Every structure is written in C-alpha cells, then in structure tokens.
Protein backbone atom coordinates (compact mmCIF):
# COMPACT_ATOMS: atom_id res chain seq x y z
CA MET A 1 0.00 0.00 0.00
CA CYS A 2 1.30 3.44 -0.86
CA ASN A 3 0.20 7.00 -0.22
CA ILE A 4 0.26 10.35 -2.00
CA GLY A 5 3.81 11.70 -1.93
CA ASP A 6 5.44 8.29 -1.60
CA ILE A 7 8.40 7.43 -3.77
CA ILE A 8 8.06 3.94 -5.18
CA VAL A 9 10.30 1.80 -7.36
CA VAL A 10 8.33 -0.10 -9.98
CA ASN A 11 10.09 -3.28 -11.11
CA LYS A 12 8.46 -3.56 -14.55
CA TYR A 13 6.09 -1.26 -16.43
CA LYS A 14 5.28 0.02 -19.90
CA GLY A 15 6.62 3.43 -20.87
CA ASP A 16 4.59 6.00 -22.76
CA ASP A 17 5.75 4.35 -26.00
CA GLY A 18 4.46 0.93 -24.82
CA LYS A 19 7.94 -0.59 -24.38
CA ILE A 20 8.65 -2.63 -21.26
CA LEU A 21 10.96 -0.83 -18.83
CA ASN A 22 12.58 -2.09 -15.63
CA ARG A 23 13.14 -0.58 -12.18
CA HIS A 24 12.21 3.06 -12.16
CA SER A 25 11.21 5.54 -9.46
CA PHE A 26 7.83 7.25 -9.38
CA ILE A 27 6.10 9.83 -7.17
CA VAL A 28 2.56 8.82 -6.14
CA LEU A 29 0.08 11.59 -6.99
CA ASN A 30 -3.25 9.87 -6.37
CA ASP A 31 -4.24 6.62 -4.69
CA GLU A 32 -8.02 6.72 -5.24
CA ALA A 33 -9.88 4.43 -7.61
CA GLY A 34 -11.25 5.81 -10.85
CA THR A 35 -11.64 5.11 -14.54
CA ILE A 36 -9.99 6.63 -17.58
CA GLU A 37 -10.61 5.65 -21.18
CA GLY A 38 -12.94 2.93 -19.85
CA CYS A 39 -10.22 1.32 -17.72
CA SER A 40 -10.03 1.15 -13.93
CA TYR A 41 -7.04 2.49 -12.01
CA ASP A 42 -6.18 3.25 -8.40
CA LEU A 43 -2.72 4.79 -8.66
CA VAL A 44 -1.47 7.83 -10.59
CA CYS A 45 2.25 8.67 -10.62
CA ASN A 46 4.96 10.79 -12.23
CA VAL A 47 8.34 9.36 -13.24
CA MET A 48 11.45 10.50 -11.40
CA SER A 49 14.94 10.40 -12.90
CA SER A 50 18.45 11.22 -11.74
CA PHE A 51 20.84 13.59 -13.42
CA LYS A 52 23.78 11.91 -15.16
CA SER A 53 25.91 15.07 -15.26
CA GLU A 54 25.72 18.84 -14.88
CA GLU A 55 25.17 19.09 -18.64
CA HIS A 56 22.28 16.61 -18.41
CA LYS A 57 20.83 18.59 -15.48
CA SER A 58 21.00 21.85 -17.42
CA LYS A 59 19.37 20.27 -20.48
CA LYS A 60 16.50 18.66 -18.55
CA LEU A 61 15.69 21.69 -16.40
CA ARG A 62 15.31 23.92 -19.49
CA HIS A 63 11.97 22.19 -20.11
CA GLN A 64 9.04 23.57 -18.11
CA GLU A 65 7.58 20.09 -17.62
CA ASN A 66 10.61 18.86 -15.64
CA MET A 67 10.81 19.84 -11.98
CA GLY A 68 14.16 19.60 -10.27
CA VAL A 69 14.45 17.96 -6.86
CA THR A 70 17.43 17.77 -4.55
CA LYS A 71 18.35 14.95 -2.22
CA ASP A 72 17.13 17.22 0.60
CA ASP A 73 13.62 17.28 -0.95
CA LEU A 74 13.35 13.52 -0.55
CA ASN A 75 13.09 11.33 2.51
CA VAL A 76 14.86 8.26 1.14
CA THR A 77 17.49 6.28 3.00
CA GLY A 78 20.75 6.23 1.11
CA ASN A 79 19.71 8.81 -1.50
CA ASP A 80 22.69 10.91 -2.49
CA SER A 81 21.71 12.36 -5.85
CA ASP A 82 19.60 15.16 -7.24
CA GLY A 83 17.09 14.54 -10.00
CA TYR A 84 13.90 15.66 -11.64
CA ILE A 85 10.25 14.75 -11.92
CA LYS A 86 8.65 14.48 -15.36
CA ALA A 87 5.45 16.32 -14.43
CA ASP A 88 3.84 16.22 -17.88
CA LYS A 89 3.22 12.46 -17.96
CA LEU A 90 0.64 10.94 -15.63
CA TYR A 91 1.10 7.17 -15.36
CA PHE A 92 -2.05 5.22 -14.42
CA PHE A 93 -1.73 1.84 -12.69
CA LEU A 94 -3.76 -0.81 -10.91
CA GLU A 95 -1.89 -1.26 -7.65
CA LYS A 96 -2.80 -4.95 -7.31
CA ASP A 97 -1.07 -5.66 -10.65
CA LEU A 98 2.03 -3.59 -9.90
CA ASP A 99 5.28 -5.04 -8.56
CA TYR A 100 6.74 -2.15 -6.54
CA LYS A 101 8.17 -1.13 -3.20
CA VAL A 102 7.96 2.12 -1.27
CA ILE A 103 11.43 3.59 -0.72
CA GLY A 104 10.51 6.92 0.88
CA ASN A 105 8.56 10.08 0.24
CA ILE A 106 8.87 13.63 -1.01
CA ASN A 107 8.51 16.55 1.37
CA GLN A 108 5.14 18.34 1.46
CA ASP A 109 6.40 21.69 0.08
CA VAL A 110 7.88 20.01 -2.99
CA LEU A 111 4.72 17.94 -3.47
CA SER A 112 2.65 21.14 -3.40
CA ARG A 113 4.93 22.73 -6.03
CA LEU A 114 4.58 19.60 -8.14
CA PHE A 115 0.78 19.80 -8.03
CA GLU A 116 0.96 23.48 -9.02
CA LEU A 117 3.17 22.60 -12.00
CA ILE A 118 0.81 19.80 -13.06
CA LYS A 119 -2.13 22.23 -12.90
CA LEU A 120 -0.22 24.73 -15.06
CA LEU A 121 0.69 22.04 -17.59
CA GLN A 122 -2.95 20.92 -17.68
CA GLU A 123 -4.12 24.47 -18.36
CA LYS A 124 -1.65 24.66 -21.26
CA GLY A 125 -2.82 21.30 -22.64
CA LEU A 126 0.58 19.70 -22.07
CA LEU A 127 -0.38 16.73 -19.86
CA VAL A 128 -0.14 13.23 -21.28
CA ASN A 129 -2.12 10.38 -19.73
CA VAL A 130 -0.13 7.14 -19.96
CA THR A 131 -2.72 4.38 -19.67
CA VAL A 132 -0.86 1.43 -21.24
CA ASN A 133 -0.35 -0.13 -17.78
CA ILE A 134 -4.06 -0.59 -16.99
C-alpha cells in the first residue's frame, strides 16, 4: 500500500511508447480508484529520474515540464543524488497488478509545487495520460 507523496520503485512497467521498462522511481500523486478511457485504475504517478551530469541537469531543467528535486527534498534512506520529476506524464496503474516497493517520500512543500506545475501544464494542454499499464 502506498500514499500520496510516496516514492516507489516499480520493477516492470510500460513506458509512454508501450515498451517494457525495468526498475524506475515514481512519485505517487493519487491513490483513489477511478476510470480513464474505460479502464479502472487506483494509482497515478509521475516518473522521477536522476541527473547523469551537470550538462544533463542543465538540459532537462530547461523544459518547463521537468521539476528539479534535490536529495534534501526527498526522505529516502541512502539517497545521495539530485534529480527531476517528469510532471507532464501521468502514469495510471492498478496497484494490485504492480510489482513495486515504497522507498521513501517527497517533502510536502515540494509535493505542493509539483501539483501546481501539473495544474499549469494541464491548463496549457501539455499533460499526457499514460494508460498502457491498466
């Protein structure tokens, strides 16, 4: 069971292009049941990624849909790297079908900023619903 603001590692999922991907971190945005495109879900998340270099960091943070996070923004044991959240892609899952583990959570201030960014992206028509996992 996970909660809003939790950081989870999903062992296997389909990316927005439908390809199978392994072991990736996500931020939980919603844990209530609903339907989208006629399919049931009970978990909505954003992907998190780490920066590979300062150049990579600079490139990723130029895009308004990517929100930078520091290791201090996260409550994760053993986390020693900064990264970013891809706020423009909402991943929908059925929790019972998902192989994952909770590894920590994001602090409340950062979560609030993330929700503000998602709202802005929605207003601009820039959100993508990734439903290939339900």
